[in-house]
Amino acid sequence: MLRWTIIFIIIAFIAGALGFGGIAGGAADIAKICFYIFIVLFVLSLLKSVTKK
């Protein structure tokens, strides 16, 4: 999941540098969503591993 976030951030930077504002904004939004999903899953996995002990 984190790999997808990094890919969309790179796409956003490239599109922003080339002047494609709409595409850059869309890629940045997708990267933000993927990042938040990754954080939630990471926290849930940490909580699961702590409660197993």
C-alpha atoms as a PDB file:
ATOM      1  CA  MET A   1       0.000   0.000   0.000  1.00  0.00           C
ATOM      2  CA  LEU A   2       2.828   2.378   0.810  1.00  0.00           C
ATOM      3  CA  ARG A   3       4.383   1.626  -2.565  1.00  0.00           C
ATOM      4  CA  TRP A   4       1.201   2.844  -4.308  1.00  0.00           C
ATOM      5  CA  THR A   5       1.304   6.033  -2.268  1.00  0.00           C
ATOM      6  CA  ILE A   6       4.866   6.710  -3.385  1.00  0.00           C
ATOM      7  CA  ILE A   7       3.980   5.965  -7.014  1.00  0.00           C
ATOM      8  CA  PHE A   8       1.061   8.419  -6.984  1.00  0.00           C
ATOM      9  CA  ILE A   9       3.191  11.085  -5.291  1.00  0.00           C
ATOM     10  CA  ILE A  10       5.793  10.720  -8.043  1.00  0.00           C
ATOM     11  CA  ILE A  11       3.058  10.945 -10.696  1.00  0.00           C
ATOM     12  CA  ALA A  12       1.723  14.087  -9.003  1.00  0.00           C
ATOM     13  CA  PHE A  13       5.162  15.717  -8.971  1.00  0.00           C
ATOM     14  CA  ILE A  14       5.836  14.899 -12.618  1.00  0.00           C
ATOM     15  CA  ALA A  15       2.393  16.075 -13.727  1.00  0.00           C
ATOM     16  CA  GLY A  16       2.756  19.255 -11.663  1.00  0.00           C
ATOM     17  CA  ALA A  17       6.160  19.982 -13.189  1.00  0.00           C
ATOM     18  CA  LEU A  18       4.759  19.544 -16.694  1.00  0.00           C
ATOM     19  CA  GLY A  19       1.815  21.822 -15.989  1.00  0.00           C
ATOM     20  CA  PHE A  20      -0.970  19.257 -15.797  1.00  0.00           C
ATOM     21  CA  GLY A  21      -2.740  20.710 -12.762  1.00  0.00           C
ATOM     22  CA  GLY A  22      -5.828  18.498 -12.846  1.00  0.00           C
ATOM     23  CA  ILE A  23      -3.877  15.277 -13.190  1.00  0.00           C
ATOM     24  CA  ALA A  24      -1.426  16.325 -10.473  1.00  0.00           C
ATOM     25  CA  GLY A  25      -4.270  17.135  -8.098  1.00  0.00           C
ATOM     26  CA  GLY A  26      -5.982  13.829  -8.780  1.00  0.00           C
ATOM     27  CA  ALA A  27      -2.800  11.832  -8.260  1.00  0.00           C
ATOM     28  CA  ALA A  28      -2.071  13.724  -5.042  1.00  0.00           C
ATOM     29  CA  ASP A  29      -5.586  13.003  -3.767  1.00  0.00           C
ATOM     30  CA  ILE A  30      -5.216   9.296  -4.534  1.00  0.00           C
ATOM     31  CA  ALA A  31      -1.814   9.291  -2.785  1.00  0.00           C
ATOM     32  CA  LYS A  32      -3.363  10.883   0.311  1.00  0.00           C
ATOM     33  CA  ILE A  33      -6.150   8.298   0.416  1.00  0.00           C
ATOM     34  CA  CYS A  34      -3.699   5.403   0.001  1.00  0.00           C
ATOM     35  CA  PHE A  35      -1.483   6.852   2.720  1.00  0.00           C
ATOM     36  CA  TYR A  36      -4.348   7.169   5.203  1.00  0.00           C
ATOM     37  CA  ILE A  37      -5.495   3.623   4.472  1.00  0.00           C
ATOM     38  CA  PHE A  38      -1.917   2.432   5.029  1.00  0.00           C
ATOM     39  CA  ILE A  39      -1.733   4.261   8.376  1.00  0.00           C
ATOM     40  CA  VAL A  40      -5.040   2.769   9.555  1.00  0.00           C
ATOM     41  CA  LEU A  41      -3.989  -0.755   8.577  1.00  0.00           C
ATOM     42  CA  PHE A  42      -0.606  -0.269  10.238  1.00  0.00           C
ATOM     43  CA  VAL A  43      -2.178   0.880  13.508  1.00  0.00           C
ATOM     44  CA  LEU A  44      -4.662  -2.005  13.427  1.00  0.00           C
ATOM     45  CA  SER A  45      -1.861  -4.513  12.907  1.00  0.00           C
ATOM     46  CA  LEU A  46       0.087  -2.984  15.799  1.00  0.00           C
ATOM     47  CA  LEU A  47      -2.939  -3.215  18.068  1.00  0.00           C
ATOM     48  CA  LYS A  48      -3.543  -6.809  17.004  1.00  0.00           C
ATOM     49  CA  SER A  49       0.047  -7.792  17.761  1.00  0.00           C
ATOM     50  CA  VAL A  50      -0.042  -6.077  21.170  1.00  0.00           C
ATOM     51  CA  THR A  51      -3.286  -7.783  22.196  1.00  0.00           C
ATOM     52  CA  LYS A  52      -1.960 -11.252  21.224  1.00  0.00           C
ATOM     53  CA  LYS A  53       0.663 -11.191  23.984  1.00  0.00           C
END
